Amino acid sequence: KIKENFIFAKGIKAYVSDSHTLSYDIAREQ
């Protein structure tokens, strides 16, 4: 379902963590 709405960029980076706080850093860095 996600791939019906979202297009992943070529070479996309994915991250897995326990804390959602990491999203703050990812959004800034990317």
mmCIF file of all heavy atoms, coordinates in Angstrom:
data_MODEL
# 
_entry.id   MODEL 
# 
loop_
_atom_site.group_PDB 
_atom_site.id 
_atom_site.type_symbol 
_atom_site.label_atom_id 
_atom_site.label_alt_id 
_atom_site.label_comp_id 
_atom_site.label_asym_id 
_atom_site.label_entity_id 
_atom_site.label_seq_id 
_atom_site.pdbx_PDB_ins_code 
_atom_site.Cartn_x 
_atom_site.Cartn_y 
_atom_site.Cartn_z 
_atom_site.occupancy 
_atom_site.B_iso_or_equiv 
_atom_site.pdbx_formal_charge 
_atom_site.auth_seq_id 
_atom_site.auth_comp_id 
_atom_site.auth_asym_id 
_atom_site.auth_atom_id 
_atom_site.pdbx_PDB_model_num 
ATOM 1   N N   . LYS A 1 1  ? 0.835  -1.206 0.000   1.00 0.00 ? 1  LYS A N   1 
ATOM 2   C CA  . LYS A 1 1  ? 0.000  0.000  0.000   1.00 0.00 ? 1  LYS A CA  1 
ATOM 3   C C   . LYS A 1 1  ? 0.871  1.257  0.000   1.00 0.00 ? 1  LYS A C   1 
ATOM 4   O O   . LYS A 1 1  ? 0.581  2.228  -0.709  1.00 0.00 ? 1  LYS A O   1 
ATOM 5   C CB  . LYS A 1 1  ? -0.904 -0.015 1.234   1.00 0.00 ? 1  LYS A CB  1 
ATOM 6   C CG  . LYS A 1 1  ? -1.729 1.243  1.441   1.00 0.00 ? 1  LYS A CG  1 
ATOM 7   C CD  . LYS A 1 1  ? -2.767 1.458  0.356   1.00 0.00 ? 1  LYS A CD  1 
ATOM 8   C CE  . LYS A 1 1  ? -3.632 2.666  0.689   1.00 0.00 ? 1  LYS A CE  1 
ATOM 9   N NZ  . LYS A 1 1  ? -4.565 3.006  -0.418  1.00 0.00 ? 1  LYS A NZ  1 
ATOM 10  N N   . ILE A 1 2  ? 1.942  1.236  0.766   1.00 0.00 ? 2  ILE A N   1 
ATOM 11  C CA  . ILE A 1 2  ? 2.862  2.384  0.817   1.00 0.00 ? 2  ILE A CA  1 
ATOM 12  C C   . ILE A 1 2  ? 3.379  2.707  -0.582  1.00 0.00 ? 2  ILE A C   1 
ATOM 13  O O   . ILE A 1 2  ? 3.441  3.881  -1.002  1.00 0.00 ? 2  ILE A O   1 
ATOM 14  C CB  . ILE A 1 2  ? 4.040  2.090  1.771   1.00 0.00 ? 2  ILE A CB  1 
ATOM 15  C CG1 . ILE A 1 2  ? 3.608  2.264  3.223   1.00 0.00 ? 2  ILE A CG1 1 
ATOM 16  C CG2 . ILE A 1 2  ? 5.238  2.992  1.465   1.00 0.00 ? 2  ILE A CG2 1 
ATOM 17  C CD1 . ILE A 1 2  ? 3.348  3.697  3.655   1.00 0.00 ? 2  ILE A CD1 1 
ATOM 18  N N   . LYS A 1 3  ? 3.742  1.694  -1.321  1.00 0.00 ? 3  LYS A N   1 
ATOM 19  C CA  . LYS A 1 3  ? 4.340  1.906  -2.634  1.00 0.00 ? 3  LYS A CA  1 
ATOM 20  C C   . LYS A 1 3  ? 3.327  2.353  -3.678  1.00 0.00 ? 3  LYS A C   1 
ATOM 21  O O   . LYS A 1 3  ? 3.705  2.740  -4.781  1.00 0.00 ? 3  LYS A O   1 
ATOM 22  C CB  . LYS A 1 3  ? 5.072  0.636  -3.065  1.00 0.00 ? 3  LYS A CB  1 
ATOM 23  C CG  . LYS A 1 3  ? 6.329  0.406  -2.210  1.00 0.00 ? 3  LYS A CG  1 
ATOM 24  C CD  . LYS A 1 3  ? 6.994  -0.934 -2.471  1.00 0.00 ? 3  LYS A CD  1 
ATOM 25  C CE  . LYS A 1 3  ? 8.189  -1.121 -1.541  1.00 0.00 ? 3  LYS A CE  1 
ATOM 26  N NZ  . LYS A 1 3  ? 8.849  -2.429 -1.710  1.00 0.00 ? 3  LYS A NZ  1 
ATOM 27  N N   . GLU A 1 4  ? 2.046  2.332  -3.322  1.00 0.00 ? 4  GLU A N   1 
ATOM 28  C CA  . GLU A 1 4  ? 1.028  2.908  -4.201  1.00 0.00 ? 4  GLU A CA  1 
ATOM 29  C C   . GLU A 1 4  ? 1.008  4.428  -4.095  1.00 0.00 ? 4  GLU A C   1 
ATOM 30  O O   . GLU A 1 4  ? 0.592  5.120  -5.023  1.00 0.00 ? 4  GLU A O   1 
ATOM 31  C CB  . GLU A 1 4  ? -0.358 2.356  -3.844  1.00 0.00 ? 4  GLU A CB  1 
ATOM 32  C CG  . GLU A 1 4  ? -0.539 0.881  -4.161  1.00 0.00 ? 4  GLU A CG  1 
ATOM 33  C CD  . GLU A 1 4  ? -1.909 0.378  -3.729  1.00 0.00 ? 4  GLU A CD  1 
ATOM 34  O OE1 . GLU A 1 4  ? -2.716 1.204  -3.216  1.00 0.00 ? 4  GLU A OE1 1 
ATOM 35  O OE2 . GLU A 1 4  ? -2.179 -0.824 -3.893  1.00 0.00 ? 4  GLU A OE2 1 
ATOM 36  N N   . ASN A 1 5  ? 1.464  4.945  -2.941  1.00 0.00 ? 5  ASN A N   1 
ATOM 37  C CA  . ASN A 1 5  ? 1.425  6.382  -2.692  1.00 0.00 ? 5  ASN A CA  1 
ATOM 38  C C   . ASN A 1 5  ? 2.797  7.051  -2.704  1.00 0.00 ? 5  ASN A C   1 
ATOM 39  O O   . ASN A 1 5  ? 2.907  8.225  -3.037  1.00 0.00 ? 5  ASN A O   1 
ATOM 40  C CB  . ASN A 1 5  ? 0.764  6.673  -1.338  1.00 0.00 ? 5  ASN A CB  1 
ATOM 41  C CG  . ASN A 1 5  ? -0.680 6.227  -1.268  1.00 0.00 ? 5  ASN A CG  1 
ATOM 42  O OD1 . ASN A 1 5  ? -0.972 5.117  -0.865  1.00 0.00 ? 5  ASN A OD1 1 
ATOM 43  N ND2 . ASN A 1 5  ? -1.594 7.092  -1.686  1.00 0.00 ? 5  ASN A ND2 1 
ATOM 44  N N   . PHE A 1 6  ? 3.815  6.289  -2.340  1.00 0.00 ? 6  PHE A N   1 
ATOM 45  C CA  . PHE A 1 6  ? 5.149  6.859  -2.180  1.00 0.00 ? 6  PHE A CA  1 
ATOM 46  C C   . PHE A 1 6  ? 6.119  6.282  -3.209  1.00 0.00 ? 6  PHE A C   1 
ATOM 47  O O   . PHE A 1 6  ? 6.079  5.098  -3.533  1.00 0.00 ? 6  PHE A O   1 
ATOM 48  C CB  . PHE A 1 6  ? 5.692  6.572  -0.774  1.00 0.00 ? 6  PHE A CB  1 
ATOM 49  C CG  . PHE A 1 6  ? 4.889  7.217  0.322   1.00 0.00 ? 6  PHE A CG  1 
ATOM 50  C CD1 . PHE A 1 6  ? 3.808  6.558  0.897   1.00 0.00 ? 6  PHE A CD1 1 
ATOM 51  C CD2 . PHE A 1 6  ? 5.215  8.488  0.790   1.00 0.00 ? 6  PHE A CD2 1 
ATOM 52  C CE1 . PHE A 1 6  ? 3.072  7.144  1.912   1.00 0.00 ? 6  PHE A CE1 1 
ATOM 53  C CE2 . PHE A 1 6  ? 4.480  9.083  1.803   1.00 0.00 ? 6  PHE A CE2 1 
ATOM 54  C CZ  . PHE A 1 6  ? 3.402  8.409  2.366   1.00 0.00 ? 6  PHE A CZ  1 
ATOM 55  N N   . ILE A 1 7  ? 7.004  7.137  -3.704  1.00 0.00 ? 7  ILE A N   1 
ATOM 56  C CA  . ILE A 1 7  ? 8.053  6.733  -4.628  1.00 0.00 ? 7  ILE A CA  1 
ATOM 57  C C   . ILE A 1 7  ? 9.387  6.849  -3.893  1.00 0.00 ? 7  ILE A C   1 
ATOM 58  O O   . ILE A 1 7  ? 9.757  7.931  -3.422  1.00 0.00 ? 7  ILE A O   1 
ATOM 59  C CB  . ILE A 1 7  ? 8.067  7.632  -5.877  1.00 0.00 ? 7  ILE A CB  1 
ATOM 60  C CG1 . ILE A 1 7  ? 6.734  7.514  -6.626  1.00 0.00 ? 7  ILE A CG1 1 
ATOM 61  C CG2 . ILE A 1 7  ? 9.223  7.254  -6.788  1.00 0.00 ? 7  ILE A CG2 1 
ATOM 62  C CD1 . ILE A 1 7  ? 6.607  8.496  -7.784  1.00 0.00 ? 7  ILE A CD1 1 
ATOM 63  N N   . PHE A 1 8  ? 10.101 5.745  -3.779  1.00 0.00 ? 8  PHE A N   1 
ATOM 64  C CA  . PHE A 1 8  ? 11.385 5.743  -3.097  1.00 0.00 ? 8  PHE A CA  1 
ATOM 65  C C   . PHE A 1 8  ? 12.477 6.225  -4.040  1.00 0.00 ? 8  PHE A C   1 
ATOM 66  O O   . PHE A 1 8  ? 12.603 5.741  -5.164  1.00 0.00 ? 8  PHE A O   1 
ATOM 67  C CB  . PHE A 1 8  ? 11.735 4.353  -2.584  1.00 0.00 ? 8  PHE A CB  1 
ATOM 68  C CG  . PHE A 1 8  ? 10.865 3.885  -1.431  1.00 0.00 ? 8  PHE A CG  1 
ATOM 69  C CD1 . PHE A 1 8  ? 10.992 2.608  -0.933  1.00 0.00 ? 8  PHE A CD1 1 
ATOM 70  C CD2 . PHE A 1 8  ? 9.932  4.722  -0.856  1.00 0.00 ? 8  PHE A CD2 1 
ATOM 71  C CE1 . PHE A 1 8  ? 10.210 2.174  0.118   1.00 0.00 ? 8  PHE A CE1 1 
ATOM 72  C CE2 . PHE A 1 8  ? 9.140  4.311  0.195   1.00 0.00 ? 8  PHE A CE2 1 
ATOM 73  C CZ  . PHE A 1 8  ? 9.280  3.027  0.686   1.00 0.00 ? 8  PHE A CZ  1 
ATOM 74  N N   . ALA A 1 9  ? 13.270 7.155  -3.562  1.00 0.00 ? 9  ALA A N   1 
ATOM 75  C CA  . ALA A 1 9  ? 14.370 7.693  -4.360  1.00 0.00 ? 9  ALA A CA  1 
ATOM 76  C C   . ALA A 1 9  ? 15.415 6.602  -4.615  1.00 0.00 ? 9  ALA A C   1 
ATOM 77  O O   . ALA A 1 9  ? 15.575 5.670  -3.822  1.00 0.00 ? 9  ALA A O   1 
ATOM 78  C CB  . ALA A 1 9  ? 15.020 8.871  -3.636  1.00 0.00 ? 9  ALA A CB  1 
ATOM 79  N N   . LYS A 1 10 ? 16.116 6.731  -5.711  1.00 0.00 ? 10 LYS A N   1 
ATOM 80  C CA  . LYS A 1 10 ? 17.194 5.794  -6.024  1.00 0.00 ? 10 LYS A CA  1 
ATOM 81  C C   . LYS A 1 10 ? 18.271 5.907  -4.952  1.00 0.00 ? 10 LYS A C   1 
ATOM 82  O O   . LYS A 1 10 ? 18.674 7.009  -4.564  1.00 0.00 ? 10 LYS A O   1 
ATOM 83  C CB  . LYS A 1 10 ? 17.781 6.126  -7.398  1.00 0.00 ? 10 LYS A CB  1 
ATOM 84  C CG  . LYS A 1 10 ? 18.842 5.132  -7.853  1.00 0.00 ? 10 LYS A CG  1 
ATOM 85  C CD  . LYS A 1 10 ? 19.344 5.472  -9.248  1.00 0.00 ? 10 LYS A CD  1 
ATOM 86  C CE  . LYS A 1 10 ? 20.400 4.469  -9.702  1.00 0.00 ? 10 LYS A CE  1 
ATOM 87  N NZ  . LYS A 1 10 ? 20.895 4.776  -11.070 1.00 0.00 ? 10 LYS A NZ  1 
ATOM 88  N N   . GLY A 1 11 ? 18.713 4.764  -4.433  1.00 0.00 ? 11 GLY A N   1 
ATOM 89  C CA  . GLY A 1 11 ? 19.729 4.777  -3.390  1.00 0.00 ? 11 GLY A CA  1 
ATOM 90  C C   . GLY A 1 11 ? 19.207 5.252  -2.050  1.00 0.00 ? 11 GLY A C   1 
ATOM 91  O O   . GLY A 1 11 ? 19.982 5.739  -1.220  1.00 0.00 ? 11 GLY A O   1 
ATOM 92  N N   . ILE A 1 12 ? 17.914 5.119  -1.818  1.00 0.00 ? 12 ILE A N   1 
ATOM 93  C CA  . ILE A 1 12 ? 17.291 5.618  -0.595  1.00 0.00 ? 12 ILE A CA  1 
ATOM 94  C C   . ILE A 1 12 ? 17.939 5.016  0.644   1.00 0.00 ? 12 ILE A C   1 
ATOM 95  O O   . ILE A 1 12 ? 18.364 3.859  0.638   1.00 0.00 ? 12 ILE A O   1 
ATOM 96  C CB  . ILE A 1 12 ? 15.770 5.308  -0.614  1.00 0.00 ? 12 ILE A CB  1 
ATOM 97  C CG1 . ILE A 1 12 ? 15.063 6.020  0.559   1.00 0.00 ? 12 ILE A CG1 1 
ATOM 98  C CG2 . ILE A 1 12 ? 15.521 3.811  -0.583  1.00 0.00 ? 12 ILE A CG2 1 
ATOM 99  C CD1 . ILE A 1 12 ? 13.554 5.946  0.467   1.00 0.00 ? 12 ILE A CD1 1 
ATOM 100 N N   . LYS A 1 13 ? 18.017 5.797  1.706   1.00 0.00 ? 13 LYS A N   1 
ATOM 101 C CA  . LYS A 1 13 ? 18.580 5.339  2.962   1.00 0.00 ? 13 LYS A CA  1 
ATOM 102 C C   . LYS A 1 13 ? 17.449 4.961  3.910   1.00 0.00 ? 13 LYS A C   1 
ATOM 103 O O   . LYS A 1 13 ? 16.456 5.674  4.027   1.00 0.00 ? 13 LYS A O   1 
ATOM 104 C CB  . LYS A 1 13 ? 19.450 6.421  3.597   1.00 0.00 ? 13 LYS A CB  1 
ATOM 105 C CG  . LYS A 1 13 ? 20.682 6.752  2.774   1.00 0.00 ? 13 LYS A CG  1 
ATOM 106 C CD  . LYS A 1 13 ? 21.697 7.517  3.587   1.00 0.00 ? 13 LYS A CD  1 
ATOM 107 C CE  . LYS A 1 13 ? 22.981 7.699  2.786   1.00 0.00 ? 13 LYS A CE  1 
ATOM 108 N NZ  . LYS A 1 13 ? 24.076 8.230  3.591   1.00 0.00 ? 13 LYS A NZ  1 
ATOM 109 N N   . ALA A 1 14 ? 17.606 3.825  4.581   1.00 0.00 ? 14 ALA A N   1 
ATOM 110 C CA  . ALA A 1 14 ? 16.621 3.372  5.557   1.00 0.00 ? 14 ALA A CA  1 
ATOM 111 C C   . ALA A 1 14 ? 17.326 3.114  6.890   1.00 0.00 ? 14 ALA A C   1 
ATOM 112 O O   . ALA A 1 14 ? 18.489 2.689  6.924   1.00 0.00 ? 14 ALA A O   1 
ATOM 113 C CB  . ALA A 1 14 ? 15.924 2.108  5.072   1.00 0.00 ? 14 ALA A CB  1 
ATOM 114 N N   . TYR A 1 15 ? 16.615 3.376  7.964   1.00 0.00 ? 15 TYR A N   1 
ATOM 115 C CA  . TYR A 1 15 ? 17.172 3.246  9.304   1.00 0.00 ? 15 TYR A CA  1 
ATOM 116 C C   . TYR A 1 15 ? 16.164 2.529  10.189  1.00 0.00 ? 15 TYR A C   1 
ATOM 117 O O   . TYR A 1 15 ? 14.949 2.697  10.041  1.00 0.00 ? 15 TYR A O   1 
ATOM 118 C CB  . TYR A 1 15 ? 17.475 4.621  9.910   1.00 0.00 ? 15 TYR A CB  1 
ATOM 119 C CG  . TYR A 1 15 ? 18.372 5.486  9.052   1.00 0.00 ? 15 TYR A CG  1 
ATOM 120 C CD1 . TYR A 1 15 ? 17.819 6.257  8.022   1.00 0.00 ? 15 TYR A CD1 1 
ATOM 121 C CD2 . TYR A 1 15 ? 19.739 5.547  9.264   1.00 0.00 ? 15 TYR A CD2 1 
ATOM 122 C CE1 . TYR A 1 15 ? 18.634 7.062  7.226   1.00 0.00 ? 15 TYR A CE1 1 
ATOM 123 C CE2 . TYR A 1 15 ? 20.556 6.352  8.475   1.00 0.00 ? 15 TYR A CE2 1 
ATOM 124 C CZ  . TYR A 1 15 ? 19.993 7.102  7.455   1.00 0.00 ? 15 TYR A CZ  1 
ATOM 125 O OH  . TYR A 1 15 ? 20.786 7.894  6.670   1.00 0.00 ? 15 TYR A OH  1 
ATOM 126 N N   . VAL A 1 16 ? 16.685 1.744  11.132  1.00 0.00 ? 16 VAL A N   1 
ATOM 127 C CA  . VAL A 1 16 ? 15.848 1.060  12.115  1.00 0.00 ? 16 VAL A CA  1 
ATOM 128 C C   . VAL A 1 16 ? 16.424 1.360  13.490  1.00 0.00 ? 16 VAL A C   1 
ATOM 129 O O   . VAL A 1 16 ? 17.635 1.224  13.712  1.00 0.00 ? 16 VAL A O   1 
ATOM 130 C CB  . VAL A 1 16 ? 15.825 -0.462 11.882  1.00 0.00 ? 16 VAL A CB  1 
ATOM 131 C CG1 . VAL A 1 16 ? 15.013 -1.163 12.972  1.00 0.00 ? 16 VAL A CG1 1 
ATOM 132 C CG2 . VAL A 1 16 ? 15.243 -0.786 10.508  1.00 0.00 ? 16 VAL A CG2 1 
ATOM 133 N N   . SER A 1 17 ? 15.568 1.791  14.414  1.00 0.00 ? 17 SER A N   1 
ATOM 134 C CA  . SER A 1 17 ? 16.026 2.103  15.759  1.00 0.00 ? 17 SER A CA  1 
ATOM 135 C C   . SER A 1 17 ? 14.937 1.761  16.762  1.00 0.00 ? 17 SER A C   1 
ATOM 136 O O   . SER A 1 17 ? 13.804 1.449  16.394  1.00 0.00 ? 17 SER A O   1 
ATOM 137 C CB  . SER A 1 17 ? 16.393 3.588  15.881  1.00 0.00 ? 17 SER A CB  1 
ATOM 138 O OG  . SER A 1 17 ? 15.220 4.383  15.875  1.00 0.00 ? 17 SER A OG  1 
ATOM 139 N N   . ASP A 1 18 ? 15.283 1.845  18.031  1.00 0.00 ? 18 ASP A N   1 
ATOM 140 C CA  . ASP A 1 18 ? 14.275 1.642  19.069  1.00 0.00 ? 18 ASP A CA  1 
ATOM 141 C C   . ASP A 1 18 ? 13.542 2.949  19.352  1.00 0.00 ? 18 ASP A C   1 
ATOM 142 O O   . ASP A 1 18 ? 12.325 2.968  19.501  1.00 0.00 ? 18 ASP A O   1 
ATOM 143 C CB  . ASP A 1 18 ? 14.925 1.114  20.350  1.00 0.00 ? 18 ASP A CB  1 
ATOM 144 C CG  . ASP A 1 18 ? 13.933 0.359  21.215  1.00 0.00 ? 18 ASP A CG  1 
ATOM 145 O OD1 . ASP A 1 18 ? 12.929 -0.143 20.673  1.00 0.00 ? 18 ASP A OD1 1 
ATOM 146 O OD2 . ASP A 1 18 ? 14.158 0.255  22.429  1.00 0.00 ? 18 ASP A OD2 1 
ATOM 147 N N   . SER A 1 19 ? 14.270 4.039  19.427  1.00 0.00 ? 19 SER A N   1 
ATOM 148 C CA  . SER A 1 19 ? 13.672 5.338  19.744  1.00 0.00 ? 19 SER A CA  1 
ATOM 149 C C   . SER A 1 19 ? 13.292 6.105  18.489  1.00 0.00 ? 19 SER A C   1 
ATOM 150 O O   . SER A 1 19 ? 14.048 6.127  17.511  1.00 0.00 ? 19 SER A O   1 
ATOM 151 C CB  . SER A 1 19 ? 14.646 6.180  20.563  1.00 0.00 ? 19 SER A CB  1 
ATOM 152 O OG  . SER A 1 19 ? 14.127 7.483  20.772  1.00 0.00 ? 19 SER A OG  1 
ATOM 153 N N   . HIS A 1 20 ? 12.135 6.749  18.533  1.00 0.00 ? 20 HIS A N   1 
ATOM 154 C CA  . HIS A 1 20 ? 11.701 7.540  17.392  1.00 0.00 ? 20 HIS A CA  1 
ATOM 155 C C   . HIS A 1 20 ? 12.447 8.872  17.309  1.00 0.00 ? 20 HIS A C   1 
ATOM 156 O O   . HIS A 1 20 ? 12.381 9.568  16.291  1.00 0.00 ? 20 HIS A O   1 
ATOM 157 C CB  . HIS A 1 20 ? 10.192 7.797  17.465  1.00 0.00 ? 20 HIS A CB  1 
ATOM 158 C CG  . HIS A 1 20 ? 9.527  7.697  16.139  1.00 0.00 ? 20 HIS A CG  1 
ATOM 159 N ND1 . HIS A 1 20 ? 8.277  7.156  15.953  1.00 0.00 ? 20 HIS A ND1 1 
ATOM 160 C CD2 . HIS A 1 20 ? 9.941  8.071  14.905  1.00 0.00 ? 20 HIS A CD2 1 
ATOM 161 C CE1 . HIS A 1 20 ? 7.947  7.205  14.671  1.00 0.00 ? 20 HIS A CE1 1 
ATOM 162 N NE2 . HIS A 1 20 ? 8.946  7.754  14.027  1.00 0.00 ? 20 HIS A NE2 1 
ATOM 163 N N   . THR A 1 21 ? 13.176 9.207  18.352  1.00 0.00 ? 21 THR A N   1 
ATOM 164 C CA  . THR A 1 21 ? 13.936 10.458 18.356  1.00 0.00 ? 21 THR A CA  1 
ATOM 165 C C   . THR A 1 21 ? 14.884 10.545 17.162  1.00 0.00 ? 21 THR A C   1 
ATOM 166 O O   . THR A 1 21 ? 15.180 11.635 16.664  1.00 0.00 ? 21 THR A O   1 
ATOM 167 C CB  . THR A 1 21 ? 14.747 10.577 19.664  1.00 0.00 ? 21 THR A CB  1 
ATOM 168 O OG1 . THR A 1 21 ? 13.864 10.426 20.779  1.00 0.00 ? 21 THR A OG1 1 
ATOM 169 C CG2 . THR A 1 21 ? 15.441 11.923 19.756  1.00 0.00 ? 21 THR A CG2 1 
ATOM 170 N N   . LEU A 1 22 ? 15.338 9.400  16.679  1.00 0.00 ? 22 LEU A N   1 
ATOM 171 C CA  . LEU A 1 22 ? 16.267 9.376  15.548  1.00 0.00 ? 22 LEU A CA  1 
ATOM 172 C C   . LEU A 1 22 ? 15.691 10.073 14.319  1.00 0.00 ? 22 LEU A C   1 
ATOM 173 O O   . LEU A 1 22 ? 16.451 10.586 13.491  1.00 0.00 ? 22 LEU A O   1 
ATOM 174 C CB  . LEU A 1 22 ? 16.642 7.931  15.216  1.00 0.00 ? 22 LEU A CB  1 
ATOM 175 C CG  . LEU A 1 22 ? 17.669 7.726  14.100  1.00 0.00 ? 22 LEU A CG  1 
ATOM 176 C CD1 . LEU A 1 22 ? 19.016 8.335  14.482  1.00 0.00 ? 22 LEU A CD1 1 
ATOM 177 C CD2 . LEU A 1 22 ? 17.820 6.237  13.772  1.00 0.00 ? 22 LEU A CD2 1 
ATOM 178 N N   . SER A 1 23 ? 14.383 10.113 14.184  1.00 0.00 ? 23 SER A N   1 
ATOM 179 C CA  . SER A 1 23 ? 13.778 10.772 13.017  1.00 0.00 ? 23 SER A CA  1 
ATOM 180 C C   . SER A 1 23 ? 14.172 12.244 12.936  1.00 0.00 ? 23 SER A C   1 
ATOM 181 O O   . SER A 1 23 ? 14.284 12.797 11.839  1.00 0.00 ? 23 SER A O   1 
ATOM 182 C CB  . SER A 1 23 ? 12.251 10.648 13.058  1.00 0.00 ? 23 SER A CB  1 
ATOM 183 O OG  . SER A 1 23 ? 11.818 9.431  12.490  1.00 0.00 ? 23 SER A OG  1 
ATOM 184 N N   . TYR A 1 24 ? 14.361 12.865 14.078  1.00 0.00 ? 24 TYR A N   1 
ATOM 185 C CA  . TYR A 1 24 ? 14.782 14.270 14.090  1.00 0.00 ? 24 TYR A CA  1 
ATOM 186 C C   . TYR A 1 24 ? 16.131 14.421 13.382  1.00 0.00 ? 24 TYR A C   1 
ATOM 187 O O   . TYR A 1 24 ? 16.304 15.284 12.516  1.00 0.00 ? 24 TYR A O   1 
ATOM 188 C CB  . TYR A 1 24 ? 14.870 14.779 15.527  1.00 0.00 ? 24 TYR A CB  1 
ATOM 189 C CG  . TYR A 1 24 ? 15.255 16.242 15.646  1.00 0.00 ? 24 TYR A CG  1 
ATOM 190 C CD1 . TYR A 1 24 ? 14.287 17.238 15.655  1.00 0.00 ? 24 TYR A CD1 1 
ATOM 191 C CD2 . TYR A 1 24 ? 16.596 16.628 15.752  1.00 0.00 ? 24 TYR A CD2 1 
ATOM 192 C CE1 . TYR A 1 24 ? 14.636 18.586 15.772  1.00 0.00 ? 24 TYR A CE1 1 
ATOM 193 C CE2 . TYR A 1 24 ? 16.959 17.959 15.864  1.00 0.00 ? 24 TYR A CE2 1 
ATOM 194 C CZ  . TYR A 1 24 ? 15.974 18.933 15.864  1.00 0.00 ? 24 TYR A CZ  1 
ATOM 195 O OH  . TYR A 1 24 ? 16.321 20.270 15.975  1.00 0.00 ? 24 TYR A OH  1 
ATOM 196 N N   . ASP A 1 25 ? 17.072 13.554 13.740  1.00 0.00 ? 25 ASP A N   1 
ATOM 197 C CA  . ASP A 1 25 ? 18.404 13.621 13.152  1.00 0.00 ? 25 ASP A CA  1 
ATOM 198 C C   . ASP A 1 25 ? 18.379 13.257 11.670  1.00 0.00 ? 25 ASP A C   1 
ATOM 199 O O   . ASP A 1 25 ? 19.063 13.883 10.854  1.00 0.00 ? 25 ASP A O   1 
ATOM 200 C CB  . ASP A 1 25 ? 19.355 12.687 13.891  1.00 0.00 ? 25 ASP A CB  1 
ATOM 201 C CG  . ASP A 1 25 ? 19.561 13.100 15.333  1.00 0.00 ? 25 ASP A CG  1 
ATOM 202 O OD1 . ASP A 1 25 ? 19.523 14.316 15.610  1.00 0.00 ? 25 ASP A OD1 1 
ATOM 203 O OD2 . ASP A 1 25 ? 19.756 12.217 16.184  1.00 0.00 ? 25 ASP A OD2 1 
ATOM 204 N N   . ILE A 1 26 ? 17.592 12.243 11.319  1.00 0.00 ? 26 ILE A N   1 
ATOM 205 C CA  . ILE A 1 26 ? 17.532 11.816 9.922   1.00 0.00 ? 26 ILE A CA  1 
ATOM 206 C C   . ILE A 1 26 ? 16.989 12.931 9.044   1.00 0.00 ? 26 ILE A C   1 
ATOM 207 O O   . ILE A 1 26 ? 17.537 13.233 7.969   1.00 0.00 ? 26 ILE A O   1 
ATOM 208 C CB  . ILE A 1 26 ? 16.658 10.559 9.774   1.00 0.00 ? 26 ILE A CB  1 
ATOM 209 C CG1 . ILE A 1 26 ? 17.280 9.382  10.519  1.00 0.00 ? 26 ILE A CG1 1 
ATOM 210 C CG2 . ILE A 1 26 ? 16.466 10.206 8.300   1.00 0.00 ? 26 ILE A CG2 1 
ATOM 211 C CD1 . ILE A 1 26 ? 16.375 8.167  10.612  1.00 0.00 ? 26 ILE A CD1 1 
ATOM 212 N N   . ALA A 1 27 ? 15.897 13.561 9.481   1.00 0.00 ? 27 ALA A N   1 
ATOM 213 C CA  . ALA A 1 27 ? 15.284 14.633 8.693   1.00 0.00 ? 27 ALA A CA  1 
ATOM 214 C C   . ALA A 1 27 ? 16.282 15.770 8.474   1.00 0.00 ? 27 ALA A C   1 
ATOM 215 O O   . ALA A 1 27 ? 16.370 16.338 7.380   1.00 0.00 ? 27 ALA A O   1 
ATOM 216 C CB  . ALA A 1 27 ? 14.026 15.144 9.387   1.00 0.00 ? 27 ALA A CB  1 
ATOM 217 N N   . ARG A 1 28 ? 17.039 16.119 9.503   1.00 0.00 ? 28 ARG A N   1 
ATOM 218 C CA  . ARG A 1 28 ? 18.035 17.184 9.384   1.00 0.00 ? 28 ARG A CA  1 
ATOM 219 C C   . ARG A 1 28 ? 19.162 16.782 8.437   1.00 0.00 ? 28 ARG A C   1 
ATOM 220 O O   . ARG A 1 28 ? 19.521 17.523 7.525   1.00 0.00 ? 28 ARG A O   1 
ATOM 221 C CB  . ARG A 1 28 ? 18.625 17.503 10.756  1.00 0.00 ? 28 ARG A CB  1 
ATOM 222 C CG  . ARG A 1 28 ? 17.689 18.239 11.690  1.00 0.00 ? 28 ARG A CG  1 
ATOM 223 C CD  . ARG A 1 28 ? 18.383 18.567 13.005  1.00 0.00 ? 28 ARG A CD  1 
ATOM 224 N NE  . ARG A 1 28 ? 19.607 19.328 12.799  1.00 0.00 ? 28 ARG A NE  1 
ATOM 225 C CZ  . ARG A 1 28 ? 20.459 19.669 13.767  1.00 0.00 ? 28 ARG A CZ  1 
ATOM 226 N NH1 . ARG A 1 28 ? 20.235 19.278 15.010  1.00 0.00 ? 28 ARG A NH1 1 
ATOM 227 N NH2 . ARG A 1 28 ? 21.540 20.370 13.488  1.00 0.00 ? 28 ARG A NH2 1 
ATOM 228 N N   . GLU A 1 29 ? 19.713 15.597 8.650   1.00 0.00 ? 29 GLU A N   1 
ATOM 229 C CA  . GLU A 1 29 ? 20.865 15.171 7.866   1.00 0.00 ? 29 GLU A CA  1 
ATOM 230 C C   . GLU A 1 29 ? 20.522 14.965 6.397   1.00 0.00 ? 29 GLU A C   1 
ATOM 231 O O   . GLU A 1 29 ? 21.354 15.217 5.518   1.00 0.00 ? 29 GLU A O   1 
ATOM 232 C CB  . GLU A 1 29 ? 21.431 13.882 8.466   1.00 0.00 ? 29 GLU A CB  1 
ATOM 233 C CG  . GLU A 1 29 ? 22.060 14.089 9.841   1.00 0.00 ? 29 GLU A CG  1 
ATOM 234 C CD  . GLU A 1 29 ? 22.361 12.778 10.531  1.00 0.00 ? 29 GLU A CD  1 
ATOM 235 O OE1 . GLU A 1 29 ? 22.142 11.702 9.909   1.00 0.00 ? 29 GLU A OE1 1 
ATOM 236 O OE2 . GLU A 1 29 ? 22.805 12.809 11.696  1.00 0.00 ? 29 GLU A OE2 1 
ATOM 237 N N   . GLN A 1 30 ? 19.294 14.523 6.132   1.00 0.00 ? 30 GLN A N   1 
ATOM 238 C CA  . GLN A 1 30 ? 18.881 14.260 4.751   1.00 0.00 ? 30 GLN A CA  1 
ATOM 239 C C   . GLN A 1 30 ? 18.282 15.494 4.073   1.00 0.00 ? 30 GLN A C   1 
ATOM 240 O O   . GLN A 1 30 ? 17.928 15.457 2.901   1.00 0.00 ? 30 GLN A O   1 
ATOM 241 C CB  . GLN A 1 30 ? 17.859 13.118 4.732   1.00 0.00 ? 30 GLN A CB  1 
ATOM 242 C CG  . GLN A 1 30 ? 18.418 11.780 5.173   1.00 0.00 ? 30 GLN A CG  1 
ATOM 243 C CD  . GLN A 1 30 ? 19.476 11.266 4.222   1.00 0.00 ? 30 GLN A CD  1 
ATOM 244 O OE1 . GLN A 1 30 ? 19.351 11.352 3.002   1.00 0.00 ? 30 GLN A OE1 1 
ATOM 245 N NE2 . GLN A 1 30 ? 20.554 10.731 4.783   1.00 0.00 ? 30 GLN A NE2 1 
# 
